[in-house]
């Protein structure tokens, strides 16, 4: 009788060990990485990295060209003066009798 009791206790201990192993396996299987979410995270990181590169380049260019001023004449030259400059530049190709059409 004692032998049978001990044998049953051993079998129960084995079953409990098997149950723990099965539960451990089930726990491992529940850990599932969602690849689509991981892919979205990677894409978001790549987008942020690209935006940072753009901002760095923008800052570099702004620093390079920040002090460059484009000269702009404040007042346009009168039409007669412009015509004389053109005639001087072109030389004899334009006659004095040529008419200039002004747009109003």
C-alpha atoms as a PDB file:
ATOM      1  CA  UNK A   1       0.000   0.000   0.000  1.00  0.00           C
ATOM      2  CA  UNK A   2       2.807   2.385   0.857  1.00  0.00           C
ATOM      3  CA  UNK A   3       4.544   1.474  -2.367  1.00  0.00           C
ATOM      4  CA  UNK A   4       1.458   2.268  -4.401  1.00  0.00           C
ATOM      5  CA  UNK A   5       1.035   5.576  -2.579  1.00  0.00           C
ATOM      6  CA  UNK A   6       4.623   6.510  -3.307  1.00  0.00           C
ATOM      7  CA  UNK A   7       4.181   5.503  -6.953  1.00  0.00           C
ATOM      8  CA  UNK A   8       1.082   7.704  -7.255  1.00  0.00           C
ATOM      9  CA  UNK A   9       2.934  10.613  -5.635  1.00  0.00           C
ATOM     10  CA  UNK A  10       5.752  10.210  -8.154  1.00  0.00           C
ATOM     11  CA  UNK A  11       3.260  10.144 -11.042  1.00  0.00           C
ATOM     12  CA  UNK A  12       1.550  13.261  -9.673  1.00  0.00           C
ATOM     13  CA  UNK A  13       4.916  15.049  -9.436  1.00  0.00           C
ATOM     14  CA  UNK A  14       5.667  14.056 -13.049  1.00  0.00           C
ATOM     15  CA  UNK A  15       2.291  15.357 -14.201  1.00  0.00           C
ATOM     16  CA  UNK A  16       2.841  18.633 -12.359  1.00  0.00           C
ATOM     17  CA  UNK A  17       6.259  18.989 -14.026  1.00  0.00           C
ATOM     18  CA  UNK A  18       4.691  18.311 -17.442  1.00  0.00           C
ATOM     19  CA  UNK A  19       1.986  20.881 -16.719  1.00  0.00           C
ATOM     20  CA  UNK A  20       4.623  23.490 -15.827  1.00  0.00           C
ATOM     21  CA  UNK A  21       6.459  22.711 -19.066  1.00  0.00           C
ATOM     22  CA  UNK A  22       3.269  23.058 -21.088  1.00  0.00           C
ATOM     23  CA  UNK A  23       2.409  26.380 -19.411  1.00  0.00           C
ATOM     24  CA  UNK A  24       5.928  27.668 -20.076  1.00  0.00           C
ATOM     25  CA  UNK A  25       5.584  26.720 -23.754  1.00  0.00           C
ATOM     26  CA  UNK A  26       2.196  28.441 -23.922  1.00  0.00           C
ATOM     27  CA  UNK A  27       3.677  31.582 -22.384  1.00  0.00           C
ATOM     28  CA  UNK A  28       6.456  31.627 -24.980  1.00  0.00           C
ATOM     29  CA  UNK A  29       3.933  31.219 -27.789  1.00  0.00           C
ATOM     30  CA  UNK A  30       1.875  34.147 -26.516  1.00  0.00           C
ATOM     31  CA  UNK A  31       4.848  36.465 -26.995  1.00  0.00           C
ATOM     32  CA  UNK A  32       4.206  37.422 -30.577  1.00  0.00           C
ATOM     33  CA  UNK A  33       5.777  40.455 -32.215  1.00  0.00           C
ATOM     34  CA  UNK A  34       3.466  42.312 -34.535  1.00  0.00           C
ATOM     35  CA  UNK A  35       5.663  42.749 -37.615  1.00  0.00           C
ATOM     36  CA  UNK A  36       3.381  45.361 -39.157  1.00  0.00           C
ATOM     37  CA  UNK A  37       3.702  47.546 -36.074  1.00  0.00           C
ATOM     38  CA  UNK A  38       7.467  47.021 -36.061  1.00  0.00           C
ATOM     39  CA  UNK A  39       7.616  47.978 -39.738  1.00  0.00           C
ATOM     40  CA  UNK A  40       5.633  51.162 -39.031  1.00  0.00           C
ATOM     41  CA  UNK A  41       8.025  52.072 -36.225  1.00  0.00           C
ATOM     42  CA  UNK A  42      11.022  51.546 -38.508  1.00  0.00           C
ATOM     43  CA  UNK A  43       9.416  53.676 -41.225  1.00  0.00           C
ATOM     44  CA  UNK A  44       8.614  56.421 -38.740  1.00  0.00           C
ATOM     45  CA  UNK A  45      12.211  56.426 -37.527  1.00  0.00           C
ATOM     46  CA  UNK A  46      13.469  56.621 -41.121  1.00  0.00           C
ATOM     47  CA  UNK A  47      11.093  59.535 -41.825  1.00  0.00           C
ATOM     48  CA  UNK A  48      12.291  61.388 -38.733  1.00  0.00           C
ATOM     49  CA  UNK A  49      15.915  60.750 -39.723  1.00  0.00           C
ATOM     50  CA  UNK A  50      15.215  62.164 -43.213  1.00  0.00           C
ATOM     51  CA  UNK A  51      13.512  65.242 -41.780  1.00  0.00           C
ATOM     52  CA  UNK A  52      16.463  65.861 -39.479  1.00  0.00           C
ATOM     53  CA  UNK A  53      18.858  65.627 -42.438  1.00  0.00           C
ATOM     54  CA  UNK A  54      16.743  68.178 -44.324  1.00  0.00           C
ATOM     55  CA  UNK A  55      16.720  70.543 -41.336  1.00  0.00           C
ATOM     56  CA  UNK A  56      20.507  70.248 -40.964  1.00  0.00           C
ATOM     57  CA  UNK A  57      21.022  71.020 -44.663  1.00  0.00           C
ATOM     58  CA  UNK A  58      18.536  73.906 -44.477  1.00  0.00           C
ATOM     59  CA  UNK A  59      20.406  75.373 -41.497  1.00  0.00           C
ATOM     60  CA  UNK A  60      23.727  75.029 -43.301  1.00  0.00           C
ATOM     61  CA  UNK A  61      22.381  76.792 -46.386  1.00  0.00           C
ATOM     62  CA  UNK A  62      20.732  79.544 -44.375  1.00  0.00           C
ATOM     63  CA  UNK A  63      24.036  80.130 -42.601  1.00  0.00           C
ATOM     64  CA  UNK A  64      25.885  80.243 -45.927  1.00  0.00           C
ATOM     65  CA  UNK A  65      23.525  82.637 -47.678  1.00  0.00           C
ATOM     66  CA  UNK A  66      22.174  84.614 -44.717  1.00  0.00           C
ATOM     67  CA  UNK A  67      24.388  87.661 -45.295  1.00  0.00           C
ATOM     68  CA  UNK A  68      24.096  87.730 -49.091  1.00  0.00           C
ATOM     69  CA  UNK A  69      22.061  90.703 -50.208  1.00  0.00           C
ATOM     70  CA  UNK A  70      20.709  91.022 -53.711  1.00  0.00           C
ATOM     71  CA  UNK A  71      21.261  94.565 -54.912  1.00  0.00           C
ATOM     72  CA  UNK A  72      18.042  96.118 -56.156  1.00  0.00           C
ATOM     73  CA  UNK A  73      17.858  99.492 -57.827  1.00  0.00           C
ATOM     74  CA  UNK A  74      15.445 101.676 -55.995  1.00  0.00           C
ATOM     75  CA  UNK A  75      14.279 103.650 -58.961  1.00  0.00           C
ATOM     76  CA  UNK A  76      13.906 102.563 -62.570  1.00  0.00           C
ATOM     77  CA  UNK A  77      15.714 104.630 -65.177  1.00  0.00           C
ATOM     78  CA  UNK A  78      13.597 106.857 -67.380  1.00  0.00           C
ATOM     79  CA  UNK A  79      12.624 105.453 -70.776  1.00  0.00           C
ATOM     80  CA  UNK A  80      14.669 108.001 -72.733  1.00  0.00           C
ATOM     81  CA  UNK A  81      17.803 107.110 -70.772  1.00  0.00           C
ATOM     82  CA  UNK A  82      17.249 103.391 -71.376  1.00  0.00           C
ATOM     83  CA  UNK A  83      16.776 104.000 -75.111  1.00  0.00           C
ATOM     84  CA  UNK A  84      20.065 105.906 -75.233  1.00  0.00           C
ATOM     85  CA  UNK A  85      21.865 103.074 -73.417  1.00  0.00           C
ATOM     86  CA  UNK A  86      20.461 100.546 -75.890  1.00  0.00           C
ATOM     87  CA  UNK A  87      21.479 102.667 -78.860  1.00  0.00           C
ATOM     88  CA  UNK A  88      24.943 103.118 -77.427  1.00  0.00           C
ATOM     89  CA  UNK A  89      25.268  99.406 -76.780  1.00  0.00           C
ATOM     90  CA  UNK A  90      24.004  98.367 -80.210  1.00  0.00           C
ATOM     91  CA  UNK A  91      25.873 101.078 -82.013  1.00  0.00           C
ATOM     92  CA  UNK A  92      24.751 101.897 -85.506  1.00  0.00           C
ATOM     93  CA  UNK A  93      22.289  98.995 -85.713  1.00  0.00           C
ATOM     94  CA  UNK A  94      19.449 101.131 -84.362  1.00  0.00           C
ATOM     95  CA  UNK A  95      18.619 104.367 -86.146  1.00  0.00           C
ATOM     96  CA  UNK A  96      17.627 107.554 -84.376  1.00  0.00           C
ATOM     97  CA  UNK A  97      14.319 107.513 -86.245  1.00  0.00           C
ATOM     98  CA  UNK A  98      13.291 104.142 -84.766  1.00  0.00           C
ATOM     99  CA  UNK A  99      10.196 104.441 -82.630  1.00  0.00           C
ATOM    100  CA  UNK A 100       9.742 102.871 -79.223  1.00  0.00           C
ATOM    101  CA  UNK A 101       6.332 101.644 -78.296  1.00  0.00           C
ATOM    102  CA  UNK A 102       5.569 102.197 -74.646  1.00  0.00           C
ATOM    103  CA  UNK A 103       3.106 100.095 -72.786  1.00  0.00           C
ATOM    104  CA  UNK A 104       0.863 102.058 -70.454  1.00  0.00           C
END
